[in-house]
Amino acid sequence: LLVVSELVTNVVLHSSSAEVTVLVSFDGA
């Protein structure tokens, strides 16, 4: 959650994008 928060915060602060897409996955490892 810390990693995801930092990456999305960078989009909010620096990208000037209208939308952010987040894909998370788990492969067991």
PDB file of all heavy atoms in Angstrom:
ATOM      1  N   LEU A   1       0.827  -1.210   0.000  1.00  0.00           N
ATOM      2  CA  LEU A   1       0.000   0.000   0.000  1.00  0.00           C
ATOM      3  C   LEU A   1       0.859   1.256   0.000  1.00  0.00           C
ATOM      4  O   LEU A   1       0.503   2.253  -0.635  1.00  0.00           O
ATOM      5  CB  LEU A   1      -0.951  -0.003   1.188  1.00  0.00           C
ATOM      6  CG  LEU A   1      -2.098  -0.993   1.098  1.00  0.00           C
ATOM      7  CD1 LEU A   1      -2.847  -1.062   2.422  1.00  0.00           C
ATOM      8  CD2 LEU A   1      -3.037  -0.645  -0.039  1.00  0.00           C
ATOM      9  N   LEU A   2       1.991   1.236   0.672  1.00  0.00           N
ATOM     10  CA  LEU A   2       2.909   2.369   0.649  1.00  0.00           C
ATOM     11  C   LEU A   2       3.420   2.611  -0.770  1.00  0.00           C
ATOM     12  O   LEU A   2       3.420   3.743  -1.253  1.00  0.00           O
ATOM     13  CB  LEU A   2       4.081   2.123   1.608  1.00  0.00           C
ATOM     14  CG  LEU A   2       5.185   3.175   1.593  1.00  0.00           C
ATOM     15  CD1 LEU A   2       4.659   4.523   2.052  1.00  0.00           C
ATOM     16  CD2 LEU A   2       6.352   2.718   2.463  1.00  0.00           C
ATOM     17  N   VAL A   3       3.821   1.548  -1.455  1.00  0.00           N
ATOM     18  CA  VAL A   3       4.312   1.663  -2.828  1.00  0.00           C
ATOM     19  C   VAL A   3       3.225   2.210  -3.747  1.00  0.00           C
ATOM     20  O   VAL A   3       3.444   3.151  -4.511  1.00  0.00           O
ATOM     21  CB  VAL A   3       4.839   0.298  -3.337  1.00  0.00           C
ATOM     22  CG1 VAL A   3       5.114   0.325  -4.834  1.00  0.00           C
ATOM     23  CG2 VAL A   3       6.081  -0.108  -2.557  1.00  0.00           C
ATOM     24  N   VAL A   4       2.039   1.638  -3.669  1.00  0.00           N
ATOM     25  CA  VAL A   4       0.928   2.091  -4.511  1.00  0.00           C
ATOM     26  C   VAL A   4       0.619   3.561  -4.237  1.00  0.00           C
ATOM     27  O   VAL A   4       0.458   4.357  -5.166  1.00  0.00           O
ATOM     28  CB  VAL A   4      -0.322   1.208  -4.295  1.00  0.00           C
ATOM     29  CG1 VAL A   4      -1.530   1.799  -5.001  1.00  0.00           C
ATOM     30  CG2 VAL A   4      -0.057  -0.216  -4.768  1.00  0.00           C
ATOM     31  N   SER A   5       0.573   3.942  -2.965  1.00  0.00           N
ATOM     32  CA  SER A   5       0.290   5.332  -2.598  1.00  0.00           C
ATOM     33  C   SER A   5       1.324   6.285  -3.177  1.00  0.00           C
ATOM     34  O   SER A   5       0.981   7.353  -3.698  1.00  0.00           O
ATOM     35  CB  SER A   5       0.260   5.493  -1.079  1.00  0.00           C
ATOM     36  OG  SER A   5      -0.815   4.796  -0.527  1.00  0.00           O
ATOM     37  N   GLU A   6       2.590   5.920  -3.084  1.00  0.00           N
ATOM     38  CA  GLU A   6       3.647   6.789  -3.614  1.00  0.00           C
ATOM     39  C   GLU A   6       3.528   6.954  -5.122  1.00  0.00           C
ATOM     40  O   GLU A   6       3.663   8.067  -5.642  1.00  0.00           O
ATOM     41  CB  GLU A   6       5.024   6.228  -3.250  1.00  0.00           C
ATOM     42  CG  GLU A   6       5.359   6.343  -1.786  1.00  0.00           C
ATOM     43  CD  GLU A   6       5.415   7.782  -1.292  1.00  0.00           C
ATOM     44  OE1 GLU A   6       5.725   8.703  -2.073  1.00  0.00           O
ATOM     45  OE2 GLU A   6       5.145   7.992  -0.103  1.00  0.00           O
ATOM     46  N   LEU A   7       3.254   5.863  -5.824  1.00  0.00           N
ATOM     47  CA  LEU A   7       3.167   5.950  -7.289  1.00  0.00           C
ATOM     48  C   LEU A   7       1.955   6.763  -7.733  1.00  0.00           C
ATOM     49  O   LEU A   7       2.042   7.577  -8.657  1.00  0.00           O
ATOM     50  CB  LEU A   7       3.151   4.551  -7.893  1.00  0.00           C
ATOM     51  CG  LEU A   7       4.431   3.732  -7.671  1.00  0.00           C
ATOM     52  CD1 LEU A   7       4.279   2.346  -8.281  1.00  0.00           C
ATOM     53  CD2 LEU A   7       5.657   4.445  -8.212  1.00  0.00           C
ATOM     54  N   VAL A   8       0.813   6.568  -7.077  1.00  0.00           N
ATOM     55  CA  VAL A   8      -0.384   7.327  -7.446  1.00  0.00           C
ATOM     56  C   VAL A   8      -0.225   8.797  -7.040  1.00  0.00           C
ATOM     57  O   VAL A   8      -0.632   9.697  -7.784  1.00  0.00           O
ATOM     58  CB  VAL A   8      -1.656   6.692  -6.849  1.00  0.00           C
ATOM     59  CG1 VAL A   8      -2.879   7.551  -7.110  1.00  0.00           C
ATOM     60  CG2 VAL A   8      -1.852   5.288  -7.428  1.00  0.00           C
ATOM     61  N   THR A   9       0.400   9.055  -5.911  1.00  0.00           N
ATOM     62  CA  THR A   9       0.656  10.432  -5.502  1.00  0.00           C
ATOM     63  C   THR A   9       1.528  11.144  -6.532  1.00  0.00           C
ATOM     64  O   THR A   9       1.295  12.321  -6.848  1.00  0.00           O
ATOM     65  CB  THR A   9       1.315  10.477  -4.108  1.00  0.00           C
ATOM     66  OG1 THR A   9       0.401   9.925  -3.160  1.00  0.00           O
ATOM     67  CG2 THR A   9       1.679  11.896  -3.707  1.00  0.00           C
ATOM     68  N   ASN A  10       2.517  10.456  -7.084  1.00  0.00           N
ATOM     69  CA  ASN A  10       3.346  11.066  -8.132  1.00  0.00           C
ATOM     70  C   ASN A  10       2.503  11.470  -9.337  1.00  0.00           C
ATOM     71  O   ASN A  10       2.724  12.527  -9.935  1.00  0.00           O
ATOM     72  CB  ASN A  10       4.458  10.126  -8.560  1.00  0.00           C
ATOM     73  CG  ASN A  10       5.624  10.147  -7.603  1.00  0.00           C
ATOM     74  OD1 ASN A  10       5.706  10.996  -6.718  1.00  0.00           O
ATOM     75  ND2 ASN A  10       6.518   9.193  -7.755  1.00  0.00           N
ATOM     76  N   VAL A  11       1.534  10.645  -9.695  1.00  0.00           N
ATOM     77  CA  VAL A  11       0.644  11.000 -10.808  1.00  0.00           C
ATOM     78  C   VAL A  11      -0.139  12.260 -10.456  1.00  0.00           C
ATOM     79  O   VAL A  11      -0.231  13.195 -11.260  1.00  0.00           O
ATOM     80  CB  VAL A  11      -0.309   9.834 -11.158  1.00  0.00           C
ATOM     81  CG1 VAL A  11      -1.346  10.269 -12.190  1.00  0.00           C
ATOM     82  CG2 VAL A  11       0.474   8.630 -11.664  1.00  0.00           C
ATOM     83  N   VAL A  12      -0.691  12.295  -9.250  1.00  0.00           N
ATOM     84  CA  VAL A  12      -1.492  13.450  -8.826  1.00  0.00           C
ATOM     85  C   VAL A  12      -0.650  14.722  -8.824  1.00  0.00           C
ATOM     86  O   VAL A  12      -1.087  15.771  -9.300  1.00  0.00           O
ATOM     87  CB  VAL A  12      -2.119  13.197  -7.437  1.00  0.00           C
ATOM     88  CG1 VAL A  12      -2.760  14.457  -6.883  1.00  0.00           C
ATOM     89  CG2 VAL A  12      -3.147  12.065  -7.522  1.00  0.00           C
ATOM     90  N   LEU A  13       0.567  14.629  -8.313  1.00  0.00           N
ATOM     91  CA  LEU A  13       1.400  15.824  -8.165  1.00  0.00           C
ATOM     92  C   LEU A  13       2.099  16.264  -9.444  1.00  0.00           C
ATOM     93  O   LEU A  13       2.350  17.458  -9.628  1.00  0.00           O
ATOM     94  CB  LEU A  13       2.462  15.593  -7.085  1.00  0.00           C
ATOM     95  CG  LEU A  13       1.961  15.438  -5.663  1.00  0.00           C
ATOM     96  CD1 LEU A  13       3.131  15.133  -4.727  1.00  0.00           C
ATOM     97  CD2 LEU A  13       1.220  16.692  -5.213  1.00  0.00           C
ATOM     98  N   HIS A  14       2.442  15.314 -10.321  1.00  0.00           N
ATOM     99  CA  HIS A  14       3.372  15.642 -11.391  1.00  0.00           C
ATOM    100  C   HIS A  14       2.913  15.371 -12.818  1.00  0.00           C
ATOM    101  O   HIS A  14       3.593  15.789 -13.747  1.00  0.00           O
ATOM    102  CB  HIS A  14       4.688  14.890 -11.176  1.00  0.00           C
ATOM    103  CG  HIS A  14       5.305  15.109  -9.841  1.00  0.00           C
ATOM    104  ND1 HIS A  14       5.735  16.339  -9.412  1.00  0.00           N
ATOM    105  CD2 HIS A  14       5.549  14.252  -8.813  1.00  0.00           C
ATOM    106  CE1 HIS A  14       6.232  16.243  -8.192  1.00  0.00           C
ATOM    107  NE2 HIS A  14       6.130  14.976  -7.801  1.00  0.00           N
ATOM    108  N   SER A  15       1.806  14.689 -13.036  1.00  0.00           N
ATOM    109  CA  SER A  15       1.530  14.218 -14.398  1.00  0.00           C
ATOM    110  C   SER A  15       0.670  15.129 -15.251  1.00  0.00           C
ATOM    111  O   SER A  15       0.749  15.058 -16.468  1.00  0.00           O
ATOM    112  CB  SER A  15       0.858  12.843 -14.357  1.00  0.00           C
ATOM    113  OG  SER A  15      -0.500  12.974 -13.998  1.00  0.00           O
ATOM    114  N   SER A  16      -0.195  15.898 -14.660  1.00  0.00           N
ATOM    115  CA  SER A  16      -1.211  16.682 -15.373  1.00  0.00           C
ATOM    116  C   SER A  16      -2.161  15.793 -16.183  1.00  0.00           C
ATOM    117  O   SER A  16      -2.815  16.245 -17.099  1.00  0.00           O
ATOM    118  CB  SER A  16      -0.588  17.763 -16.268  1.00  0.00           C
ATOM    119  OG  SER A  16       0.047  17.198 -17.398  1.00  0.00           O
ATOM    120  N   SER A  17      -2.242  14.523 -15.821  1.00  0.00           N
ATOM    121  CA  SER A  17      -3.152  13.585 -16.459  1.00  0.00           C
ATOM    122  C   SER A  17      -4.561  13.773 -15.904  1.00  0.00           C
ATOM    123  O   SER A  17      -4.742  14.193 -14.765  1.00  0.00           O
ATOM    124  CB  SER A  17      -2.688  12.152 -16.195  1.00  0.00           C
ATOM    125  OG  SER A  17      -3.548  11.209 -16.793  1.00  0.00           O
ATOM    126  N   ALA A  18      -5.545  13.426 -16.695  1.00  0.00           N
ATOM    127  CA  ALA A  18      -6.937  13.481 -16.236  1.00  0.00           C
ATOM    128  C   ALA A  18      -7.340  12.212 -15.491  1.00  0.00           C
ATOM    129  O   ALA A  18      -8.233  12.238 -14.649  1.00  0.00           O
ATOM    130  CB  ALA A  18      -7.867  13.696 -17.421  1.00  0.00           C
ATOM    131  N   GLU A  19      -6.670  11.087 -15.791  1.00  0.00           N
ATOM    132  CA  GLU A  19      -7.056   9.801 -15.223  1.00  0.00           C
ATOM    133  C   GLU A  19      -5.817   8.992 -14.859  1.00  0.00           C
ATOM    134  O   GLU A  19      -4.777   9.112 -15.503  1.00  0.00           O
ATOM    135  CB  GLU A  19      -7.897   9.019 -16.237  1.00  0.00           C
ATOM    136  CG  GLU A  19      -8.438   7.706 -15.718  1.00  0.00           C
ATOM    137  CD  GLU A  19      -9.324   7.012 -16.734  1.00  0.00           C
ATOM    138  OE1 GLU A  19      -8.778   6.378 -17.652  1.00  0.00           O
ATOM    139  OE2 GLU A  19     -10.556   7.102 -16.592  1.00  0.00           O
ATOM    140  N   VAL A  20      -5.945   8.182 -13.829  1.00  0.00           N
ATOM    141  CA  VAL A  20      -4.911   7.228 -13.446  1.00  0.00           C
ATOM    142  C   VAL A  20      -5.536   5.837 -13.431  1.00  0.00           C
ATOM    143  O   VAL A  20      -6.664   5.663 -12.973  1.00  0.00           O
ATOM    144  CB  VAL A  20      -4.278   7.574 -12.074  1.00  0.00           C
ATOM    145  CG1 VAL A  20      -5.299   7.567 -10.955  1.00  0.00           C
ATOM    146  CG2 VAL A  20      -3.111   6.647 -11.761  1.00  0.00           C
ATOM    147  N   THR A  21      -4.811   4.873 -13.968  1.00  0.00           N
ATOM    148  CA  THR A  21      -5.251   3.484 -13.984  1.00  0.00           C
ATOM    149  C   THR A  21      -4.284   2.673 -13.142  1.00  0.00           C
ATOM    150  O   THR A  21      -3.064   2.798 -13.298  1.00  0.00           O
ATOM    151  CB  THR A  21      -5.280   2.928 -15.422  1.00  0.00           C
ATOM    152  OG1 THR A  21      -6.126   3.758 -16.211  1.00  0.00           O
ATOM    153  CG2 THR A  21      -5.778   1.498 -15.452  1.00  0.00           C
ATOM    154  N   VAL A  22      -4.832   1.850 -12.259  1.00  0.00           N
ATOM    155  CA  VAL A  22      -4.018   1.027 -11.364  1.00  0.00           C
ATOM    156  C   VAL A  22      -4.426  -0.430 -11.553  1.00  0.00           C
ATOM    157  O   VAL A  22      -5.592  -0.783 -11.372  1.00  0.00           O
ATOM    158  CB  VAL A  22      -4.196   1.455  -9.893  1.00  0.00           C
ATOM    159  CG1 VAL A  22      -3.393   0.557  -8.970  1.00  0.00           C
ATOM    160  CG2 VAL A  22      -3.807   2.919  -9.715  1.00  0.00           C
ATOM    161  N   LEU A  23      -3.454  -1.255 -11.908  1.00  0.00           N
ATOM    162  CA  LEU A  23      -3.650  -2.695 -12.062  1.00  0.00           C
ATOM    163  C   LEU A  23      -2.767  -3.372 -11.022  1.00  0.00           C
ATOM    164  O   LEU A  23      -1.555  -3.128 -10.986  1.00  0.00           O
ATOM    165  CB  LEU A  23      -3.240  -3.142 -13.466  1.00  0.00           C
ATOM    166  CG  LEU A  23      -3.247  -4.644 -13.735  1.00  0.00           C
ATOM    167  CD1 LEU A  23      -4.669  -5.183 -13.742  1.00  0.00           C
ATOM    168  CD2 LEU A  23      -2.553  -4.948 -15.051  1.00  0.00           C
ATOM    169  N   VAL A  24      -3.365  -4.182 -10.164  1.00  0.00           N
ATOM    170  CA  VAL A  24      -2.599  -4.938  -9.176  1.00  0.00           C
ATOM    171  C   VAL A  24      -2.798  -6.421  -9.438  1.00  0.00           C
ATOM    172  O   VAL A  24      -3.861  -6.855  -9.892  1.00  0.00           O
ATOM    173  CB  VAL A  24      -2.986  -4.570  -7.722  1.00  0.00           C
ATOM    174  CG1 VAL A  24      -2.578  -3.151  -7.406  1.00  0.00           C
ATOM    175  CG2 VAL A  24      -4.457  -4.775  -7.450  1.00  0.00           C
ATOM    176  N   SER A  25      -1.741  -7.176  -9.165  1.00  0.00           N
ATOM    177  CA  SER A  25      -1.832  -8.618  -9.354  1.00  0.00           C
ATOM    178  C   SER A  25      -1.034  -9.328  -8.269  1.00  0.00           C
ATOM    179  O   SER A  25      -0.131  -8.755  -7.658  1.00  0.00           O
ATOM    180  CB  SER A  25      -1.321  -9.018 -10.746  1.00  0.00           C
ATOM    181  OG  SER A  25       0.040  -8.670 -10.898  1.00  0.00           O
ATOM    182  N   PHE A  26      -1.404 -10.591  -8.049  1.00  0.00           N
ATOM    183  CA  PHE A  26      -0.759 -11.430  -7.044  1.00  0.00           C
ATOM    184  C   PHE A  26      -0.582 -12.807  -7.645  1.00  0.00           C
ATOM    185  O   PHE A  26      -1.544 -13.427  -8.107  1.00  0.00           O
ATOM    186  CB  PHE A  26      -1.618 -11.490  -5.784  1.00  0.00           C
ATOM    187  CG  PHE A  26      -1.055 -12.338  -4.687  1.00  0.00           C
ATOM    188  CD1 PHE A  26       0.242 -12.152  -4.227  1.00  0.00           C
ATOM    189  CD2 PHE A  26      -1.827 -13.318  -4.085  1.00  0.00           C
ATOM    190  CE1 PHE A  26       0.757 -12.931  -3.202  1.00  0.00           C
ATOM    191  CE2 PHE A  26      -1.331 -14.095  -3.048  1.00  0.00           C
ATOM    192  CZ  PHE A  26      -0.034 -13.902  -2.612  1.00  0.00           C
ATOM    193  N   ASP A  27       0.670 -13.289  -7.652  1.00  0.00           N
ATOM    194  CA  ASP A  27       0.956 -14.607  -8.217  1.00  0.00           C
ATOM    195  C   ASP A  27       1.327 -15.634  -7.156  1.00  0.00           C
ATOM    196  O   ASP A  27       1.813 -16.711  -7.483  1.00  0.00           O
ATOM    197  CB  ASP A  27       2.051 -14.501  -9.277  1.00  0.00           C
ATOM    198  CG  ASP A  27       3.396 -14.062  -8.716  1.00  0.00           C
ATOM    199  OD1 ASP A  27       3.552 -13.970  -7.480  1.00  0.00           O
ATOM    200  OD2 ASP A  27       4.309 -13.797  -9.522  1.00  0.00           O
ATOM    201  N   GLY A  28       1.109 -15.299  -5.890  1.00  0.00           N
ATOM    202  CA  GLY A  28       1.459 -16.191  -4.794  1.00  0.00           C
ATOM    203  C   GLY A  28       2.835 -15.907  -4.217  1.00  0.00           C
ATOM    204  O   GLY A  28       3.091 -16.198  -3.054  1.00  0.00           O
ATOM    205  N   ALA A  29       3.729 -15.346  -5.023  1.00  0.00           N
ATOM    206  CA  ALA A  29       5.083 -15.046  -4.564  1.00  0.00           C
ATOM    207  C   ALA A  29       5.327 -13.544  -4.423  1.00  0.00           C
ATOM    208  O   ALA A  29       6.204 -13.129  -3.677  1.00  0.00           O
ATOM    209  CB  ALA A  29       6.105 -15.626  -5.535  1.00  0.00           C
TER     210      ALA A  29
END
